[in-house]
Amino acid sequence: MLRGEIIVMSEKGNKFVINAGKAAIEAVDKWHGGHDSSHVTVEFIAFYSGVTEKTTIILA
């Protein structure tokens, strides 16, 4: 996370706060969602690895 803060909710209702300077591993094959909880625009860098012709992300 380069700037800002997000709150991520897991499918079981657990909340995780990720803010500037921290790193996180995205949940795979599990529902999760998040929102910007800061007063600035969130900026982050995401790296995805995957397999040819297999979806790595589904946008809602």
PDB file of N, CA and C in Angstrom:
ATOM      1  N   MET A   1       0.853  -1.153   0.000  1.00  0.00           N
ATOM      2  CA  MET A   1       0.000   0.000   0.000  1.00  0.00           C
ATOM      3  C   MET A   1       0.906   1.225   0.000  1.00  0.00           C
ATOM      4  N   LEU A   2       0.731   2.064  -0.994  1.00  0.00           N
ATOM      5  CA  LEU A   2       1.553   3.260  -1.093  1.00  0.00           C
ATOM      6  C   LEU A   2       0.955   4.428  -0.316  1.00  0.00           C
ATOM      7  N   ARG A   3      -0.374   4.541  -0.367  1.00  0.00           N
ATOM      8  CA  ARG A   3      -1.032   5.677   0.280  1.00  0.00           C
ATOM      9  C   ARG A   3      -2.451   5.293   0.661  1.00  0.00           C
ATOM     10  N   GLY A   4      -2.930   5.808   1.792  1.00  0.00           N
ATOM     11  CA  GLY A   4      -4.305   5.579   2.206  1.00  0.00           C
ATOM     12  C   GLY A   4      -4.458   4.363   3.097  1.00  0.00           C
ATOM     13  N   GLU A   5      -5.699   3.916   3.217  1.00  0.00           N
ATOM     14  CA  GLU A   5      -6.023   2.791   4.076  1.00  0.00           C
ATOM     15  C   GLU A   5      -7.274   2.108   3.539  1.00  0.00           C
ATOM     16  N   ILE A   6      -7.281   0.790   3.547  1.00  0.00           N
ATOM     17  CA  ILE A   6      -8.486   0.050   3.171  1.00  0.00           C
ATOM     18  C   ILE A   6      -8.836  -0.940   4.279  1.00  0.00           C
ATOM     19  N   ILE A   7     -10.113  -1.236   4.358  1.00  0.00           N
ATOM     20  CA  ILE A   7     -10.592  -2.281   5.251  1.00  0.00           C
ATOM     21  C   ILE A   7     -11.096  -3.408   4.361  1.00  0.00           C
ATOM     22  N   VAL A   8     -10.569  -4.601   4.587  1.00  0.00           N
ATOM     23  CA  VAL A   8     -10.950  -5.782   3.809  1.00  0.00           C
ATOM     24  C   VAL A   8     -11.775  -6.693   4.709  1.00  0.00           C
ATOM     25  N   MET A   9     -12.906  -7.169   4.187  1.00  0.00           N
ATOM     26  CA  MET A   9     -13.783  -8.091   4.911  1.00  0.00           C
ATOM     27  C   MET A   9     -13.674  -9.472   4.267  1.00  0.00           C
ATOM     28  N   SER A  10     -13.516 -10.495   5.104  1.00  0.00           N
ATOM     29  CA  SER A  10     -13.491 -11.866   4.598  1.00  0.00           C
ATOM     30  C   SER A  10     -14.907 -12.413   4.547  1.00  0.00           C
ATOM     31  N   GLU A  11     -15.055 -13.566   3.937  1.00  0.00           N
ATOM     32  CA  GLU A  11     -16.382 -14.179   3.838  1.00  0.00           C
ATOM     33  C   GLU A  11     -16.943 -14.561   5.205  1.00  0.00           C
ATOM     34  N   LYS A  12     -16.082 -14.703   6.203  1.00  0.00           N
ATOM     35  CA  LYS A  12     -16.529 -15.041   7.561  1.00  0.00           C
ATOM     36  C   LYS A  12     -16.769 -13.799   8.414  1.00  0.00           C
ATOM     37  N   GLY A  13     -16.596 -12.609   7.816  1.00  0.00           N
ATOM     38  CA  GLY A  13     -16.853 -11.371   8.544  1.00  0.00           C
ATOM     39  C   GLY A  13     -15.648 -10.793   9.266  1.00  0.00           C
ATOM     40  N   ASN A  14     -14.485 -11.401   9.097  1.00  0.00           N
ATOM     41  CA  ASN A  14     -13.268 -10.862   9.706  1.00  0.00           C
ATOM     42  C   ASN A  14     -12.851  -9.588   8.971  1.00  0.00           C
ATOM     43  N   LYS A  15     -12.368  -8.601   9.721  1.00  0.00           N
ATOM     44  CA  LYS A  15     -11.915  -7.339   9.133  1.00  0.00           C
ATOM     45  C   LYS A  15     -10.403  -7.229   9.264  1.00  0.00           C
ATOM     46  N   PHE A  16      -9.790  -6.764   8.185  1.00  0.00           N
ATOM     47  CA  PHE A  16      -8.355  -6.539   8.163  1.00  0.00           C
ATOM     48  C   PHE A  16      -8.105  -5.118   7.687  1.00  0.00           C
ATOM     49  N   VAL A  17      -7.295  -4.373   8.399  1.00  0.00           N
ATOM     50  CA  VAL A  17      -6.956  -3.008   8.010  1.00  0.00           C
ATOM     51  C   VAL A  17      -5.578  -3.026   7.373  1.00  0.00           C
ATOM     52  N   ILE A  18      -5.489  -2.454   6.177  1.00  0.00           N
ATOM     53  CA  ILE A  18      -4.207  -2.367   5.469  1.00  0.00           C
ATOM     54  C   ILE A  18      -3.967  -0.898   5.197  1.00  0.00           C
ATOM     55  N   ASN A  19      -2.856  -0.374   5.706  1.00  0.00           N
ATOM     56  CA  ASN A  19      -2.577   1.039   5.476  1.00  0.00           C
ATOM     57  C   ASN A  19      -1.195   1.237   4.873  1.00  0.00           C
ATOM     58  N   ALA A  20      -0.899   2.490   4.557  1.00  0.00           N
ATOM     59  CA  ALA A  20       0.334   2.837   3.849  1.00  0.00           C
ATOM     60  C   ALA A  20       1.555   2.209   4.522  1.00  0.00           C
ATOM     61  N   GLY A  21       2.418   1.646   3.709  1.00  0.00           N
ATOM     62  CA  GLY A  21       3.640   1.027   4.202  1.00  0.00           C
ATOM     63  C   GLY A  21       3.514  -0.463   4.470  1.00  0.00           C
ATOM     64  N   LYS A  22       2.297  -0.985   4.434  1.00  0.00           N
ATOM     65  CA  LYS A  22       2.089  -2.408   4.705  1.00  0.00           C
ATOM     66  C   LYS A  22       1.876  -3.177   3.405  1.00  0.00           C
ATOM     67  N   ALA A  23       2.149  -4.466   3.472  1.00  0.00           N
ATOM     68  CA  ALA A  23       1.905  -5.363   2.344  1.00  0.00           C
ATOM     69  C   ALA A  23       0.856  -6.383   2.757  1.00  0.00           C
ATOM     70  N   ALA A  24       0.167  -6.945   1.794  1.00  0.00           N
ATOM     71  CA  ALA A  24      -0.853  -7.951   2.077  1.00  0.00           C
ATOM     72  C   ALA A  24      -0.871  -8.976   0.961  1.00  0.00           C
ATOM     73  N   ILE A  25      -1.305 -10.163   1.288  1.00  0.00           N
ATOM     74  CA  ILE A  25      -1.490 -11.215   0.294  1.00  0.00           C
ATOM     75  C   ILE A  25      -2.986 -11.341   0.064  1.00  0.00           C
ATOM     76  N   GLU A  26      -3.401 -11.266  -1.194  1.00  0.00           N
ATOM     77  CA  GLU A  26      -4.827 -11.330  -1.511  1.00  0.00           C
ATOM     78  C   GLU A  26      -5.368 -12.747  -1.341  1.00  0.00           C
ATOM     79  N   ALA A  27      -6.570 -12.841  -0.827  1.00  0.00           N
ATOM     80  CA  ALA A  27      -7.232 -14.136  -0.678  1.00  0.00           C
ATOM     81  C   ALA A  27      -7.496 -14.744  -2.051  1.00  0.00           C
ATOM     82  N   VAL A  28      -7.264 -16.040  -2.186  1.00  0.00           N
ATOM     83  CA  VAL A  28      -7.463 -16.735  -3.455  1.00  0.00           C
ATOM     84  C   VAL A  28      -8.605 -17.730  -3.291  1.00  0.00           C
ATOM     85  N   ASP A  29      -9.515 -17.730  -4.243  1.00  0.00           N
ATOM     86  CA  ASP A  29     -10.662 -18.643  -4.256  1.00  0.00           C
ATOM     87  C   ASP A  29     -11.562 -18.482  -3.027  1.00  0.00           C
ATOM     88  N   LYS A  30     -11.575 -17.302  -2.442  1.00  0.00           N
ATOM     89  CA  LYS A  30     -12.462 -17.003  -1.317  1.00  0.00           C
ATOM     90  C   LYS A  30     -13.040 -15.609  -1.536  1.00  0.00           C
ATOM     91  N   TRP A  31     -14.323 -15.461  -1.187  1.00  0.00           N
ATOM     92  CA  TRP A  31     -14.951 -14.157  -1.318  1.00  0.00           C
ATOM     93  C   TRP A  31     -14.294 -13.186  -0.346  1.00  0.00           C
ATOM     94  N   HIS A  32     -14.068 -11.966  -0.794  1.00  0.00           N
ATOM     95  CA  HIS A  32     -13.585 -10.894   0.058  1.00  0.00           C
ATOM     96  C   HIS A  32     -13.905  -9.574  -0.626  1.00  0.00           C
ATOM     97  N   GLY A  33     -13.998  -8.532   0.139  1.00  0.00           N
ATOM     98  CA  GLY A  33     -14.278  -7.209  -0.405  1.00  0.00           C
ATOM     99  C   GLY A  33     -13.621  -6.161   0.467  1.00  0.00           C
ATOM    100  N   GLY A  34     -13.461  -4.980  -0.085  1.00  0.00           N
ATOM    101  CA  GLY A  34     -12.811  -3.933   0.690  1.00  0.00           C
ATOM    102  C   GLY A  34     -13.301  -2.556   0.293  1.00  0.00           C
ATOM    103  N   HIS A  35     -13.004  -1.588   1.146  1.00  0.00           N
ATOM    104  CA  HIS A  35     -13.345  -0.204   0.824  1.00  0.00           C
ATOM    105  C   HIS A  35     -12.298   0.737   1.400  1.00  0.00           C
ATOM    106  N   ASP A  36     -12.218   1.904   0.794  1.00  0.00           N
ATOM    107  CA  ASP A  36     -11.286   2.950   1.203  1.00  0.00           C
ATOM    108  C   ASP A  36     -11.810   3.567   2.494  1.00  0.00           C
ATOM    109  N   SER A  37     -11.057   3.443   3.571  1.00  0.00           N
ATOM    110  CA  SER A  37     -11.486   3.988   4.854  1.00  0.00           C
ATOM    111  C   SER A  37     -10.714   5.247   5.232  1.00  0.00           C
ATOM    112  N   SER A  38      -9.945   5.783   4.289  1.00  0.00           N
ATOM    113  CA  SER A  38      -9.139   6.971   4.566  1.00  0.00           C
ATOM    114  C   SER A  38      -9.752   8.199   3.899  1.00  0.00           C
ATOM    115  N   HIS A  39      -9.134   9.323   4.151  1.00  0.00           N
ATOM    116  CA  HIS A  39      -9.609  10.575   3.568  1.00  0.00           C
ATOM    117  C   HIS A  39      -8.787  10.977   2.345  1.00  0.00           C
ATOM    118  N   VAL A  40      -7.984  10.037   1.853  1.00  0.00           N
ATOM    119  CA  VAL A  40      -7.187  10.272   0.650  1.00  0.00           C
ATOM    120  C   VAL A  40      -7.446   9.131  -0.330  1.00  0.00           C
ATOM    121  N   THR A  41      -7.136   9.363  -1.581  1.00  0.00           N
ATOM    122  CA  THR A  41      -7.280   8.308  -2.581  1.00  0.00           C
ATOM    123  C   THR A  41      -6.243   7.219  -2.316  1.00  0.00           C
ATOM    124  N   VAL A  42      -6.703   5.979  -2.266  1.00  0.00           N
ATOM    125  CA  VAL A  42      -5.811   4.849  -2.016  1.00  0.00           C
ATOM    126  C   VAL A  42      -4.972   4.580  -3.260  1.00  0.00           C
ATOM    127  N   GLU A  43      -3.692   4.334  -3.042  1.00  0.00           N
ATOM    128  CA  GLU A  43      -2.793   3.928  -4.119  1.00  0.00           C
ATOM    129  C   GLU A  43      -2.067   2.664  -3.664  1.00  0.00           C
ATOM    130  N   PHE A  44      -2.104   1.635  -4.512  1.00  0.00           N
ATOM    131  CA  PHE A  44      -1.394   0.407  -4.183  1.00  0.00           C
ATOM    132  C   PHE A  44      -0.869  -0.229  -5.454  1.00  0.00           C
ATOM    133  N   ILE A  45       0.074  -1.109  -5.295  1.00  0.00           N
ATOM    134  CA  ILE A  45       0.651  -1.867  -6.405  1.00  0.00           C
ATOM    135  C   ILE A  45       0.239  -3.318  -6.217  1.00  0.00           C
ATOM    136  N   ALA A  46      -0.288  -3.926  -7.272  1.00  0.00           N
ATOM    137  CA  ALA A  46      -0.707  -5.327  -7.208  1.00  0.00           C
ATOM    138  C   ALA A  46       0.095  -6.144  -8.217  1.00  0.00           C
ATOM    139  N   PHE A  47       0.583  -7.281  -7.786  1.00  0.00           N
ATOM    140  CA  PHE A  47       1.292  -8.216  -8.648  1.00  0.00           C
ATOM    141  C   PHE A  47       0.459  -9.488  -8.736  1.00  0.00           C
ATOM    142  N   TYR A  48       0.174  -9.933  -9.937  1.00  0.00           N
ATOM    143  CA  TYR A  48      -0.603 -11.154 -10.137  1.00  0.00           C
ATOM    144  C   TYR A  48       0.222 -12.150 -10.928  1.00  0.00           C
ATOM    145  N   SER A  49       0.217 -13.371 -10.477  1.00  0.00           N
ATOM    146  CA  SER A  49       0.808 -14.446 -11.270  1.00  0.00           C
ATOM    147  C   SER A  49      -0.324 -15.420 -11.571  1.00  0.00           C
ATOM    148  N   GLY A  50      -0.234 -16.049 -12.678  1.00  0.00           N
ATOM    149  CA  GLY A  50      -1.323 -16.943 -13.042  1.00  0.00           C
ATOM    150  C   GLY A  50      -0.928 -17.913 -14.130  1.00  0.00           C
ATOM    151  N   VAL A  51      -1.943 -18.537 -14.682  1.00  0.00           N
ATOM    152  CA  VAL A  51      -1.766 -19.528 -15.720  1.00  0.00           C
ATOM    153  C   VAL A  51      -2.466 -19.016 -16.968  1.00  0.00           C
ATOM    154  N   THR A  52      -1.897 -19.265 -18.118  1.00  0.00           N
ATOM    155  CA  THR A  52      -2.496 -18.842 -19.382  1.00  0.00           C
ATOM    156  C   THR A  52      -3.927 -19.328 -19.481  1.00  0.00           C
ATOM    157  N   GLU A  53      -4.826 -18.431 -19.897  1.00  0.00           N
ATOM    158  CA  GLU A  53      -6.247 -18.699 -20.135  1.00  0.00           C
ATOM    159  C   GLU A  53      -7.032 -19.051 -18.871  1.00  0.00           C
ATOM    160  N   LYS A  54      -6.534 -18.661 -17.707  1.00  0.00           N
ATOM    161  CA  LYS A  54      -7.298 -18.832 -16.470  1.00  0.00           C
ATOM    162  C   LYS A  54      -7.443 -17.454 -15.837  1.00  0.00           C
ATOM    163  N   THR A  55      -8.673 -17.087 -15.477  1.00  0.00           N
ATOM    164  CA  THR A  55      -8.953 -15.782 -14.924  1.00  0.00           C
ATOM    165  C   THR A  55      -8.252 -15.600 -13.584  1.00  0.00           C
ATOM    166  N   THR A  56      -7.597 -14.443 -13.401  1.00  0.00           N
ATOM    167  CA  THR A  56      -6.930 -14.148 -12.133  1.00  0.00           C
ATOM    168  C   THR A  56      -7.758 -13.213 -11.262  1.00  0.00           C
ATOM    169  N   ILE A  57      -8.724 -12.512 -11.860  1.00  0.00           N
ATOM    170  CA  ILE A  57      -9.531 -11.568 -11.101  1.00  0.00           C
ATOM    171  C   ILE A  57     -10.924 -11.470 -11.708  1.00  0.00           C
ATOM    172  N   ILE A  58     -11.919 -11.324 -10.873  1.00  0.00           N
ATOM    173  CA  ILE A  58     -13.296 -11.121 -11.331  1.00  0.00           C
ATOM    174  C   ILE A  58     -13.788  -9.811 -10.748  1.00  0.00           C
ATOM    175  N   LEU A  59     -14.098  -8.859 -11.592  1.00  0.00           N
ATOM    176  CA  LEU A  59     -14.578  -7.567 -11.120  1.00  0.00           C
ATOM    177  C   LEU A  59     -16.083  -7.622 -10.879  1.00  0.00           C
ATOM    178  N   ALA A  60     -16.506  -7.090  -9.750  1.00  0.00           N
ATOM    179  CA  ALA A  60     -17.928  -7.090  -9.414  1.00  0.00           C
ATOM    180  C   ALA A  60     -18.578  -5.794  -9.844  1.00  0.00           C
TER     181      ALA A  60
END
